[in-house]
């Protein structure tokens, strides 16, 4: 069984998650410091604590509709409340859960799967609204960083690319949350 763990940039009060959007959603959000229309709170939105998994998903900010990569700083209390309410994605007994957790293979700089799994967190309904209205404490456009790291990877400068990665380390999940989600580390 592969390890399942949350690795993230975090401090005592906050955790950074990543999302990628089109300019139509990202630019107004950056100006407002949180998501605003045309972003639709209540719809399922997926956040990723792993920068490299986000880069895999959005193609280094080059995929259409995902041209802006945002680092979203949220409260740990909000993040952990969502995890406590989460249903694992493969659980089909809950019809329309507001919070889903999916464990996907972590990625390296070349997007190759690694031996451990990273958490993806899907938020919908009232939980998505709380994410936008209560948990977000700041947004940063990290698209230039994504492009810079990608250029270094393409040039074969992996040490330089690695040095620019956000400082992710294991997130200390509360014991009840780790057990609930099947986390192993």
Protein backbone atom coordinates (compact mmCIF):
# COMPACT_ATOMS: atom_id res chain seq x y z
CA UNK A 1 0.00 0.00 0.00
CA UNK A 2 1.28 3.44 -0.86
CA UNK A 3 1.65 6.04 1.85
CA UNK A 4 -1.12 8.63 1.95
CA UNK A 5 -0.07 11.93 3.42
CA UNK A 6 -0.70 15.62 3.22
CA UNK A 7 2.43 17.57 2.36
CA UNK A 8 1.94 21.30 2.26
CA UNK A 9 3.31 24.75 2.92
CA UNK A 10 1.82 25.51 6.34
CA UNK A 11 2.37 27.30 9.63
CA UNK A 12 0.56 27.18 12.98
CA UNK A 13 -2.59 28.90 11.62
CA UNK A 14 -2.63 28.50 7.82
CA UNK A 15 -2.11 26.04 5.00
CA UNK A 16 -1.56 26.82 1.32
CA UNK A 17 -3.59 25.00 -1.30
CA UNK A 18 -3.47 25.48 -5.05
CA UNK A 19 -6.04 25.99 -7.76
CA UNK A 20 -5.75 26.92 -11.44
CA UNK A 21 -8.27 29.00 -13.33
CA UNK A 22 -8.86 31.01 -16.47
CA UNK A 23 -8.10 34.74 -16.37
CA UNK A 24 -11.86 35.43 -16.13
CA UNK A 25 -11.96 33.81 -12.67
CA UNK A 26 -8.38 34.31 -11.43
CA UNK A 27 -7.93 38.03 -12.09
CA UNK A 28 -11.08 39.23 -10.26
CA UNK A 29 -10.24 36.84 -7.39
CA UNK A 30 -6.73 38.25 -7.09
CA UNK A 31 -8.09 41.80 -7.06
CA UNK A 32 -10.67 40.93 -4.38
CA UNK A 33 -8.45 38.68 -2.25
CA UNK A 34 -10.99 35.85 -2.50
CA UNK A 35 -13.12 34.25 -5.16
CA UNK A 36 -15.86 36.45 -6.62
CA UNK A 37 -18.13 36.09 -9.67
CA UNK A 38 -17.84 34.58 -12.17
CA UNK A 39 -16.58 31.96 -9.64
CA UNK A 40 -19.67 30.13 -8.39
CA UNK A 41 -19.54 29.24 -4.72
CA UNK A 42 -21.50 26.12 -3.93
CA UNK A 43 -20.23 24.22 -6.99
CA UNK A 44 -17.59 21.55 -6.43
CA UNK A 45 -14.14 23.11 -6.42
CA UNK A 46 -10.97 21.04 -5.91
CA UNK A 47 -7.99 22.29 -3.91
CA UNK A 48 -4.57 20.67 -3.84
CA UNK A 49 -2.00 21.14 -1.04
CA UNK A 50 0.75 19.79 -3.34
CA UNK A 51 2.32 22.32 -5.71
CA UNK A 52 3.74 19.59 -7.99
CA UNK A 53 0.42 17.76 -8.18
CA UNK A 54 -1.18 21.07 -9.20
CA UNK A 55 1.52 21.52 -11.86
CA UNK A 56 0.72 18.04 -13.18
CA UNK A 57 -2.99 18.87 -13.27
CA UNK A 58 -2.68 22.28 -14.96
CA UNK A 59 0.35 21.55 -17.15
CA UNK A 60 2.47 24.24 -15.46
CA UNK A 61 -0.32 26.77 -16.05
CA UNK A 62 -0.36 26.13 -19.79
CA UNK A 63 -3.65 24.22 -20.14
CA UNK A 64 -6.60 26.15 -21.49
CA UNK A 65 -8.82 27.40 -18.68
CA UNK A 66 -6.02 26.86 -16.15
CA UNK A 67 -3.61 29.62 -17.20
CA UNK A 68 -3.43 31.22 -13.74
CA UNK A 69 -2.14 29.15 -10.85
CA UNK A 70 -3.20 30.54 -7.48
CA UNK A 71 -1.71 29.82 -4.08
CA UNK A 72 -4.67 30.07 -1.73
CA UNK A 73 -3.84 30.64 1.94
CA UNK A 74 -6.61 29.24 4.14
CA UNK A 75 -7.11 28.67 7.84
CA UNK A 76 -6.06 25.33 9.23
CA UNK A 77 -9.28 25.22 11.23
CA UNK A 78 -11.32 25.46 8.01
CA UNK A 79 -9.15 22.90 6.25
CA UNK A 80 -9.43 20.44 9.12
CA UNK A 81 -13.19 20.93 9.46
CA UNK A 82 -13.53 20.03 5.78
CA UNK A 83 -11.37 16.94 6.25
CA UNK A 84 -13.49 15.81 9.19
CA UNK A 85 -16.62 16.08 7.03
CA UNK A 86 -15.05 14.44 3.97
CA UNK A 87 -16.18 11.31 2.22
CA UNK A 88 -13.58 9.32 0.31
CA UNK A 89 -14.18 9.58 -3.44
CA UNK A 90 -14.54 5.83 -3.87
CA UNK A 91 -17.33 5.76 -1.23
CA UNK A 92 -20.58 5.52 -3.19
CA UNK A 93 -22.86 5.26 -0.15
CA UNK A 94 -23.20 9.04 0.23
CA UNK A 95 -25.24 10.54 -2.61
CA UNK A 96 -23.90 14.09 -2.92
CA UNK A 97 -21.32 14.81 -0.24
CA UNK A 98 -20.24 18.42 0.26
CA UNK A 99 -16.64 17.34 0.85
CA UNK A 100 -14.70 14.68 -1.02
CA UNK A 101 -11.16 13.45 -0.55
CA UNK A 102 -9.23 11.74 -3.27
CA UNK A 103 -5.74 10.27 -2.87
CA UNK A 104 -3.73 10.54 -6.09
CA UNK A 105 -0.10 9.65 -6.82
CA UNK A 106 2.23 12.54 -5.98
CA UNK A 107 4.30 13.74 -8.93
CA UNK A 108 7.94 14.64 -9.47
CA UNK A 109 9.28 17.52 -11.57
CA UNK A 110 8.71 15.48 -14.76
CA UNK A 111 5.14 14.59 -13.64
CA UNK A 112 6.11 10.95 -13.05
CA UNK A 113 4.12 9.29 -10.25
CA UNK A 114 5.91 8.83 -6.93
CA UNK A 115 5.42 6.11 -4.32
CA UNK A 116 3.16 8.13 -2.05
CA UNK A 117 -0.26 9.62 -2.56
CA UNK A 118 -1.28 13.24 -2.11
CA UNK A 119 -4.61 14.57 -0.99
CA UNK A 120 -7.04 16.38 -3.28
CA UNK A 121 -9.94 18.04 -1.49
CA UNK A 122 -13.26 18.71 -3.23
CA UNK A 123 -15.56 21.30 -1.68
CA UNK A 124 -19.21 21.84 -2.65
CA UNK A 125 -22.39 23.38 -1.28
CA UNK A 126 -22.17 25.31 1.98
CA UNK A 127 -18.60 24.09 2.52
CA UNK A 128 -17.47 25.68 -0.75
CA UNK A 129 -19.17 28.90 0.31
CA UNK A 130 -17.42 28.82 3.73
CA UNK A 131 -14.11 28.23 1.91
CA UNK A 132 -14.61 31.43 -0.09
CA UNK A 133 -16.22 33.59 2.61
CA UNK A 134 -14.46 32.45 5.80
CA UNK A 135 -11.31 30.37 5.28
CA UNK A 136 -9.35 32.26 2.61
CA UNK A 137 -6.86 34.70 4.10
CA UNK A 138 -4.99 35.51 0.89
CA UNK A 139 -4.40 34.67 -2.77
CA UNK A 140 -1.12 34.84 -4.65
CA UNK A 141 -0.62 34.36 -8.38
CA UNK A 142 2.19 31.80 -8.63
CA UNK A 143 1.93 31.44 -12.40
CA UNK A 144 5.30 33.16 -12.99
CA UNK A 145 6.90 30.74 -10.52
CA UNK A 146 5.26 27.78 -12.27
CA UNK A 147 6.60 28.96 -15.64
CA UNK A 148 10.08 29.60 -14.20
CA UNK A 149 10.29 26.13 -12.64
CA UNK A 150 8.95 24.54 -15.82
CA UNK A 151 11.61 26.32 -17.92
CA UNK A 152 14.32 25.02 -15.57
CA UNK A 153 12.94 21.48 -15.78
CA UNK A 154 12.89 21.67 -19.58
CA UNK A 155 16.50 22.92 -19.54
CA UNK A 156 17.54 20.00 -17.31
CA UNK A 157 18.35 22.27 -14.34
CA UNK A 158 16.56 20.10 -11.78
CA UNK A 159 18.53 21.30 -8.74
CA UNK A 160 17.65 24.92 -9.56
CA UNK A 161 14.01 23.95 -10.18
CA UNK A 162 13.83 22.05 -6.90
CA UNK A 163 15.28 25.02 -5.00
CA UNK A 164 12.33 27.17 -6.17
CA UNK A 165 9.60 24.77 -5.04
CA UNK A 166 7.39 25.92 -2.16
CA UNK A 167 8.57 24.59 1.22
CA UNK A 168 6.18 21.67 1.60
CA UNK A 169 6.50 19.32 4.54
CA UNK A 170 4.21 16.76 6.17
CA UNK A 171 1.08 18.33 7.58
CA UNK A 172 0.30 17.16 11.13
CA UNK A 173 -3.18 15.73 10.68
CA UNK A 174 -5.10 15.31 13.92
CA UNK A 175 -5.27 11.60 14.77
CA UNK A 176 -9.05 11.37 14.24
CA UNK A 177 -8.76 13.01 10.80
CA UNK A 178 -5.87 10.76 9.72
CA UNK A 179 -7.85 7.68 10.75
CA UNK A 180 -11.04 8.93 9.06
CA UNK A 181 -9.21 9.52 5.76
CA UNK A 182 -6.97 6.46 5.83
CA UNK A 183 -3.81 8.58 5.95
CA UNK A 184 -0.69 6.57 6.68
CA UNK A 185 1.82 9.29 7.47
